[in-house]
């Protein structure tokens, strides 16, 4: 193994990730130092030391955010494919345009649970259909592995997930709507946070996908 090449790649990817993160913060908030402080406090070790390969996928996703906001879906999905090539977890970004900006209602939450139940019941058929369409088997292998190592949440786990992933975004939405009477730059990402938060209660391994949204949450 060429260790010099390995360290060069690692150092280059590390610098690329930092550059994108600082660019994203600088472009989206006036409170740059506060956002950088929170980034180093909560995300720096996780993103840059534990999931270095996924960090590249997250960086590419951050570049694609402006295309999602401007509804330039061709450019967005091209970048999503690039992110996916770095890490299979970026597959979640293919779903974001379907959820971005939708209005959250009890009826839609109910249908979300219906869809999730339908996926669970028909999982064998879905996997077979995905294989026939050429989806790499490794995606499902990793999904099964995440499911097996992800224990069901106990009461405290459900409470913490509810407070952090569901109640907190709802409170922020109400503050923006009723008190500030304005919408922040990332307001339309709230439905994604909420729907993923609901899924986390049923499938704790879904929390891994919040790696792609954490910096947006910090800036919000």
C-alpha atoms as a PDB file:
ATOM      1  CA  UNK A   1       0.000   0.000   0.000  1.00  0.00           C
ATOM      2  CA  UNK A   2       1.293   3.449  -0.891  1.00  0.00           C
ATOM      3  CA  UNK A   3       0.987   5.273   2.445  1.00  0.00           C
ATOM      4  CA  UNK A   4       2.156   8.579   0.997  1.00  0.00           C
ATOM      5  CA  UNK A   5      -0.681   8.474  -1.505  1.00  0.00           C
ATOM      6  CA  UNK A   6      -3.125   7.503   1.249  1.00  0.00           C
ATOM      7  CA  UNK A   7      -2.106  10.384   3.506  1.00  0.00           C
ATOM      8  CA  UNK A   8      -2.152  12.802   0.583  1.00  0.00           C
ATOM      9  CA  UNK A   9      -5.716  11.763  -0.241  1.00  0.00           C
ATOM     10  CA  UNK A  10      -6.783  11.920   3.402  1.00  0.00           C
ATOM     11  CA  UNK A  11      -5.245  15.361   3.893  1.00  0.00           C
ATOM     12  CA  UNK A  12      -6.723  16.662   0.618  1.00  0.00           C
ATOM     13  CA  UNK A  13     -10.215  15.377   1.435  1.00  0.00           C
ATOM     14  CA  UNK A  14      -9.917  16.818   4.955  1.00  0.00           C
ATOM     15  CA  UNK A  15      -9.012  20.263   3.589  1.00  0.00           C
ATOM     16  CA  UNK A  16     -11.777  20.066   0.978  1.00  0.00           C
ATOM     17  CA  UNK A  17     -14.329  19.268   3.651  1.00  0.00           C
ATOM     18  CA  UNK A  18     -13.229  22.177   5.841  1.00  0.00           C
ATOM     19  CA  UNK A  19     -13.246  24.562   2.883  1.00  0.00           C
ATOM     20  CA  UNK A  20     -16.810  23.602   1.922  1.00  0.00           C
ATOM     21  CA  UNK A  21     -18.022  23.831   5.519  1.00  0.00           C
ATOM     22  CA  UNK A  22     -16.560  27.318   6.020  1.00  0.00           C
ATOM     23  CA  UNK A  23     -17.863  28.440   2.614  1.00  0.00           C
ATOM     24  CA  UNK A  24     -21.340  27.134   3.476  1.00  0.00           C
ATOM     25  CA  UNK A  25     -21.354  28.906   6.843  1.00  0.00           C
ATOM     26  CA  UNK A  26     -20.032  32.147   5.361  1.00  0.00           C
ATOM     27  CA  UNK A  27     -22.650  32.077   2.590  1.00  0.00           C
ATOM     28  CA  UNK A  28     -25.656  31.393   4.794  1.00  0.00           C
ATOM     29  CA  UNK A  29     -25.333  33.276   8.068  1.00  0.00           C
ATOM     30  CA  UNK A  30     -24.046  36.554   9.440  1.00  0.00           C
ATOM     31  CA  UNK A  31     -23.258  34.836  12.758  1.00  0.00           C
ATOM     32  CA  UNK A  32     -20.226  33.105  11.290  1.00  0.00           C
ATOM     33  CA  UNK A  33     -18.181  32.709  14.464  1.00  0.00           C
ATOM     34  CA  UNK A  34     -21.110  31.308  16.432  1.00  0.00           C
ATOM     35  CA  UNK A  35     -21.838  28.782  13.698  1.00  0.00           C
ATOM     36  CA  UNK A  36     -18.158  27.777  13.450  1.00  0.00           C
ATOM     37  CA  UNK A  37     -17.995  27.396  17.233  1.00  0.00           C
ATOM     38  CA  UNK A  38     -21.051  25.111  17.250  1.00  0.00           C
ATOM     39  CA  UNK A  39     -19.623  23.173  14.303  1.00  0.00           C
ATOM     40  CA  UNK A  40     -16.374  22.499  16.153  1.00  0.00           C
ATOM     41  CA  UNK A  41     -18.281  21.710  19.335  1.00  0.00           C
ATOM     42  CA  UNK A  42     -20.723  19.176  17.890  1.00  0.00           C
ATOM     43  CA  UNK A  43     -19.602  18.046  14.419  1.00  0.00           C
ATOM     44  CA  UNK A  44     -15.860  18.457  13.925  1.00  0.00           C
ATOM     45  CA  UNK A  45     -14.686  15.180  15.458  1.00  0.00           C
ATOM     46  CA  UNK A  46     -17.600  13.171  14.043  1.00  0.00           C
ATOM     47  CA  UNK A  47     -17.388  14.461  10.493  1.00  0.00           C
ATOM     48  CA  UNK A  48     -13.629  14.770  10.095  1.00  0.00           C
ATOM     49  CA  UNK A  49     -12.319  11.820  12.119  1.00  0.00           C
ATOM     50  CA  UNK A  50     -14.979   9.118  12.377  1.00  0.00           C
ATOM     51  CA  UNK A  51     -16.666   9.213   8.962  1.00  0.00           C
ATOM     52  CA  UNK A  52     -14.039  10.786   6.717  1.00  0.00           C
ATOM     53  CA  UNK A  53     -15.360   9.186   3.518  1.00  0.00           C
ATOM     54  CA  UNK A  54     -18.918  10.204   4.291  1.00  0.00           C
ATOM     55  CA  UNK A  55     -17.637  13.711   5.072  1.00  0.00           C
ATOM     56  CA  UNK A  56     -16.832  14.085   1.370  1.00  0.00           C
ATOM     57  CA  UNK A  57     -20.395  13.071   0.493  1.00  0.00           C
ATOM     58  CA  UNK A  58     -21.739  15.569   3.028  1.00  0.00           C
ATOM     59  CA  UNK A  59     -19.560  18.297   1.507  1.00  0.00           C
ATOM     60  CA  UNK A  60     -20.885  17.587  -1.973  1.00  0.00           C
ATOM     61  CA  UNK A  61     -24.425  17.684  -0.587  1.00  0.00           C
ATOM     62  CA  UNK A  62     -23.773  21.090   0.983  1.00  0.00           C
ATOM     63  CA  UNK A  63     -22.709  22.371  -2.442  1.00  0.00           C
ATOM     64  CA  UNK A  64     -25.953  21.010  -3.919  1.00  0.00           C
ATOM     65  CA  UNK A  65     -28.220  22.720  -1.365  1.00  0.00           C
ATOM     66  CA  UNK A  66     -28.460  25.978  -3.338  1.00  0.00           C
ATOM     67  CA  UNK A  67     -29.610  24.033  -6.399  1.00  0.00           C
ATOM     68  CA  UNK A  68     -32.339  22.355  -4.350  1.00  0.00           C
ATOM     69  CA  UNK A  69     -33.464  25.727  -3.014  1.00  0.00           C
ATOM     70  CA  UNK A  70     -33.558  27.188  -6.535  1.00  0.00           C
ATOM     71  CA  UNK A  71     -35.338  24.079  -7.893  1.00  0.00           C
ATOM     72  CA  UNK A  72     -32.508  23.303 -10.309  1.00  0.00           C
ATOM     73  CA  UNK A  73     -33.044  19.588  -9.981  1.00  0.00           C
ATOM     74  CA  UNK A  74     -30.759  18.433 -12.806  1.00  0.00           C
ATOM     75  CA  UNK A  75     -27.711  20.037 -11.185  1.00  0.00           C
ATOM     76  CA  UNK A  76     -28.873  18.878  -7.761  1.00  0.00           C
ATOM     77  CA  UNK A  77     -29.212  15.242  -8.787  1.00  0.00           C
ATOM     78  CA  UNK A  78     -25.889  15.262 -10.629  1.00  0.00           C
ATOM     79  CA  UNK A  79     -24.201  16.350  -7.407  1.00  0.00           C
ATOM     80  CA  UNK A  80     -26.288  13.815  -5.461  1.00  0.00           C
ATOM     81  CA  UNK A  81     -24.904  11.070  -7.700  1.00  0.00           C
ATOM     82  CA  UNK A  82     -21.356  12.294  -7.053  1.00  0.00           C
ATOM     83  CA  UNK A  83     -22.035  12.284  -3.297  1.00  0.00           C
ATOM     84  CA  UNK A  84     -23.459   8.776  -3.607  1.00  0.00           C
ATOM     85  CA  UNK A  85     -20.251   7.597  -5.278  1.00  0.00           C
ATOM     86  CA  UNK A  86     -18.332   8.756  -2.204  1.00  0.00           C
ATOM     87  CA  UNK A  87     -20.709   7.130   0.301  1.00  0.00           C
ATOM     88  CA  UNK A  88     -23.882   5.076  -0.062  1.00  0.00           C
ATOM     89  CA  UNK A  89     -25.524   7.033   2.765  1.00  0.00           C
ATOM     90  CA  UNK A  90     -25.928   9.929   0.317  1.00  0.00           C
ATOM     91  CA  UNK A  91     -28.790   7.938  -1.226  1.00  0.00           C
ATOM     92  CA  UNK A  92     -31.023   9.802   1.248  1.00  0.00           C
ATOM     93  CA  UNK A  93     -30.364  13.018  -0.691  1.00  0.00           C
ATOM     94  CA  UNK A  94     -32.312  11.587  -3.648  1.00  0.00           C
ATOM     95  CA  UNK A  95     -35.446  11.745  -1.488  1.00  0.00           C
ATOM     96  CA  UNK A  96     -35.006  15.285  -0.177  1.00  0.00           C
ATOM     97  CA  UNK A  97     -36.610  17.076  -3.184  1.00  0.00           C
ATOM     98  CA  UNK A  98     -39.789  15.030  -2.614  1.00  0.00           C
ATOM     99  CA  UNK A  99     -40.061  16.304   0.964  1.00  0.00           C
ATOM    100  CA  UNK A 100     -38.488  19.755   0.698  1.00  0.00           C
ATOM    101  CA  UNK A 101     -40.959  22.543   1.389  1.00  0.00           C
ATOM    102  CA  UNK A 102     -44.088  20.404   1.777  1.00  0.00           C
ATOM    103  CA  UNK A 103     -46.665  21.392   4.326  1.00  0.00           C
ATOM    104  CA  UNK A 104     -46.735  19.114   7.375  1.00  0.00           C
ATOM    105  CA  UNK A 105     -50.232  17.909   8.297  1.00  0.00           C
ATOM    106  CA  UNK A 106     -51.575  15.071  10.423  1.00  0.00           C
ATOM    107  CA  UNK A 107     -52.933  13.418   7.282  1.00  0.00           C
ATOM    108  CA  UNK A 108     -49.510  13.395   5.649  1.00  0.00           C
ATOM    109  CA  UNK A 109     -47.916  12.043   8.821  1.00  0.00           C
ATOM    110  CA  UNK A 110     -50.532   9.258   8.833  1.00  0.00           C
ATOM    111  CA  UNK A 111     -49.775   8.396   5.206  1.00  0.00           C
ATOM    112  CA  UNK A 112     -46.074   8.409   6.010  1.00  0.00           C
ATOM    113  CA  UNK A 113     -46.632   5.657   8.551  1.00  0.00           C
ATOM    114  CA  UNK A 114     -48.788   3.794   6.012  1.00  0.00           C
ATOM    115  CA  UNK A 115     -45.980   4.004   3.438  1.00  0.00           C
ATOM    116  CA  UNK A 116     -43.387   2.840   5.972  1.00  0.00           C
ATOM    117  CA  UNK A 117     -45.610  -0.095   6.969  1.00  0.00           C
ATOM    118  CA  UNK A 118     -46.094  -0.936   3.282  1.00  0.00           C
ATOM    119  CA  UNK A 119     -42.331  -0.926   2.724  1.00  0.00           C
ATOM    120  CA  UNK A 120     -41.775  -3.259   5.670  1.00  0.00           C
ATOM    121  CA  UNK A 121     -44.466  -5.693   4.503  1.00  0.00           C
ATOM    122  CA  UNK A 122     -43.236  -5.725   0.894  1.00  0.00           C
ATOM    123  CA  UNK A 123     -39.508  -5.434   1.567  1.00  0.00           C
ATOM    124  CA  UNK A 124     -38.648  -8.677  -0.257  1.00  0.00           C
ATOM    125  CA  UNK A 125     -40.451  -7.538  -3.401  1.00  0.00           C
ATOM    126  CA  UNK A 126     -38.835  -4.086  -3.225  1.00  0.00           C
ATOM    127  CA  UNK A 127     -35.340  -5.572  -2.887  1.00  0.00           C
ATOM    128  CA  UNK A 128     -35.959  -7.949  -5.826  1.00  0.00           C
ATOM    129  CA  UNK A 129     -37.228  -5.050  -7.960  1.00  0.00           C
ATOM    130  CA  UNK A 130     -34.225  -2.910  -6.986  1.00  0.00           C
ATOM    131  CA  UNK A 131     -31.839  -5.698  -7.989  1.00  0.00           C
ATOM    132  CA  UNK A 132     -33.552  -5.976 -11.369  1.00  0.00           C
ATOM    133  CA  UNK A 133     -33.082  -2.223 -11.874  1.00  0.00           C
ATOM    134  CA  UNK A 134     -29.355  -2.538 -11.207  1.00  0.00           C
ATOM    135  CA  UNK A 135     -29.188  -1.101  -7.679  1.00  0.00           C
ATOM    136  CA  UNK A 136     -25.891  -2.303  -6.088  1.00  0.00           C
ATOM    137  CA  UNK A 137     -26.531  -5.130  -3.569  1.00  0.00           C
ATOM    138  CA  UNK A 138     -24.051  -3.545  -1.140  1.00  0.00           C
ATOM    139  CA  UNK A 139     -26.661  -0.872  -0.335  1.00  0.00           C
ATOM    140  CA  UNK A 140     -29.079  -3.443   1.043  1.00  0.00           C
ATOM    141  CA  UNK A 141     -26.288  -5.310   2.835  1.00  0.00           C
ATOM    142  CA  UNK A 142     -25.293  -2.121   4.645  1.00  0.00           C
ATOM    143  CA  UNK A 143     -28.957  -1.342   5.373  1.00  0.00           C
ATOM    144  CA  UNK A 144     -29.421  -4.765   6.963  1.00  0.00           C
ATOM    145  CA  UNK A 145     -26.232  -4.310   8.983  1.00  0.00           C
ATOM    146  CA  UNK A 146     -27.395  -0.915  10.261  1.00  0.00           C
ATOM    147  CA  UNK A 147     -30.769  -2.420  11.155  1.00  0.00           C
ATOM    148  CA  UNK A 148     -29.196  -5.315  13.070  1.00  0.00           C
ATOM    149  CA  UNK A 149     -26.840  -3.138  15.124  1.00  0.00           C
ATOM    150  CA  UNK A 150     -29.524  -0.501  15.739  1.00  0.00           C
ATOM    151  CA  UNK A 151     -31.427  -1.452  18.873  1.00  0.00           C
ATOM    152  CA  UNK A 152     -35.023  -0.436  19.417  1.00  0.00           C
ATOM    153  CA  UNK A 153     -35.357   2.733  21.459  1.00  0.00           C
ATOM    154  CA  UNK A 154     -36.466   2.445  25.071  1.00  0.00           C
ATOM    155  CA  UNK A 155     -38.726   5.042  26.664  1.00  0.00           C
ATOM    156  CA  UNK A 156     -35.915   7.523  27.293  1.00  0.00           C
ATOM    157  CA  UNK A 157     -34.604   7.020  23.759  1.00  0.00           C
ATOM    158  CA  UNK A 158     -38.045   7.703  22.301  1.00  0.00           C
ATOM    159  CA  UNK A 159     -38.440  10.782  24.529  1.00  0.00           C
ATOM    160  CA  UNK A 160     -35.035  12.193  23.529  1.00  0.00           C
ATOM    161  CA  UNK A 161     -35.704  11.482  19.842  1.00  0.00           C
ATOM    162  CA  UNK A 162     -39.113  13.163  20.122  1.00  0.00           C
ATOM    163  CA  UNK A 163     -37.717  16.251  21.849  1.00  0.00           C
ATOM    164  CA  UNK A 164     -34.698  16.652  19.585  1.00  0.00           C
ATOM    165  CA  UNK A 165     -35.981  15.547  16.183  1.00  0.00           C
ATOM    166  CA  UNK A 166     -39.683  16.470  16.299  1.00  0.00           C
ATOM    167  CA  UNK A 167     -40.600  18.949  19.046  1.00  0.00           C
ATOM    168  CA  UNK A 168     -37.563  21.218  18.640  1.00  0.00           C
ATOM    169  CA  UNK A 169     -38.073  21.790  14.867  1.00  0.00           C
ATOM    170  CA  UNK A 170     -41.796  22.371  15.499  1.00  0.00           C
ATOM    171  CA  UNK A 171     -40.986  25.016  18.116  1.00  0.00           C
ATOM    172  CA  UNK A 172     -38.562  26.744  15.727  1.00  0.00           C
ATOM    173  CA  UNK A 173     -41.218  26.741  12.990  1.00  0.00           C
ATOM    174  CA  UNK A 174     -43.762  28.324  15.338  1.00  0.00           C
ATOM    175  CA  UNK A 175     -41.253  30.963  16.485  1.00  0.00           C
ATOM    176  CA  UNK A 176     -40.569  31.931  12.876  1.00  0.00           C
ATOM    177  CA  UNK A 177     -44.249  31.949  11.900  1.00  0.00           C
ATOM    178  CA  UNK A 178     -45.903  33.503  14.943  1.00  0.00           C
ATOM    179  CA  UNK A 179     -43.242  35.581  16.719  1.00  0.00           C
ATOM    180  CA  UNK A 180     -40.667  36.620  14.144  1.00  0.00           C
ATOM    181  CA  UNK A 181     -43.213  36.484  11.305  1.00  0.00           C
ATOM    182  CA  UNK A 182     -40.506  35.579   8.855  1.00  0.00           C
ATOM    183  CA  UNK A 183     -39.001  32.520   7.243  1.00  0.00           C
ATOM    184  CA  UNK A 184     -35.319  31.717   7.509  1.00  0.00           C
ATOM    185  CA  UNK A 185     -33.231  30.631   4.552  1.00  0.00           C
ATOM    186  CA  UNK A 186     -33.602  26.976   5.512  1.00  0.00           C
ATOM    187  CA  UNK A 187     -37.254  27.067   6.547  1.00  0.00           C
ATOM    188  CA  UNK A 188     -38.261  24.602   3.835  1.00  0.00           C
ATOM    189  CA  UNK A 189     -35.915  21.999   5.331  1.00  0.00           C
ATOM    190  CA  UNK A 190     -38.098  21.685   8.429  1.00  0.00           C
ATOM    191  CA  UNK A 191     -40.342  19.021   6.818  1.00  0.00           C
ATOM    192  CA  UNK A 192     -37.249  16.910   6.110  1.00  0.00           C
ATOM    193  CA  UNK A 193     -36.126  17.200   9.736  1.00  0.00           C
ATOM    194  CA  UNK A 194     -39.596  16.313  11.003  1.00  0.00           C
ATOM    195  CA  UNK A 195     -40.237  13.350   8.734  1.00  0.00           C
ATOM    196  CA  UNK A 196     -36.786  11.877   9.359  1.00  0.00           C
ATOM    197  CA  UNK A 197     -37.364  12.451  13.072  1.00  0.00           C
ATOM    198  CA  UNK A 198     -40.562  10.400  12.933  1.00  0.00           C
ATOM    199  CA  UNK A 199     -38.693   7.617  11.146  1.00  0.00           C
ATOM    200  CA  UNK A 200     -35.914   7.668  13.765  1.00  0.00           C
ATOM    201  CA  UNK A 201     -38.422   6.637  16.435  1.00  0.00           C
ATOM    202  CA  UNK A 202     -39.331   3.567  14.339  1.00  0.00           C
ATOM    203  CA  UNK A 203     -35.860   2.927  12.887  1.00  0.00           C
ATOM    204  CA  UNK A 204     -33.069   4.375  15.077  1.00  0.00           C
ATOM    205  CA  UNK A 205     -30.396   3.821  12.382  1.00  0.00           C
ATOM    206  CA  UNK A 206     -32.089   6.583  10.337  1.00  0.00           C
ATOM    207  CA  UNK A 207     -30.408   9.066  12.707  1.00  0.00           C
ATOM    208  CA  UNK A 208     -27.203   8.521  10.711  1.00  0.00           C
ATOM    209  CA  UNK A 209     -28.746  10.408   7.792  1.00  0.00           C
ATOM    210  CA  UNK A 210     -28.906  13.544   9.934  1.00  0.00           C
ATOM    211  CA  UNK A 211     -25.170  13.882   9.237  1.00  0.00           C
ATOM    212  CA  UNK A 212     -26.251  15.545   5.986  1.00  0.00           C
ATOM    213  CA  UNK A 213     -28.500  18.030   7.798  1.00  0.00           C
ATOM    214  CA  UNK A 214     -26.596  18.857  10.981  1.00  0.00           C
ATOM    215  CA  UNK A 215     -24.831  21.925   9.616  1.00  0.00           C
ATOM    216  CA  UNK A 216     -28.136  23.245   8.240  1.00  0.00           C
ATOM    217  CA  UNK A 217     -29.614  22.711  11.705  1.00  0.00           C
ATOM    218  CA  UNK A 218     -26.762  24.603  13.368  1.00  0.00           C
ATOM    219  CA  UNK A 219     -27.160  27.577  11.039  1.00  0.00           C
ATOM    220  CA  UNK A 220     -30.937  27.564  11.517  1.00  0.00           C
END
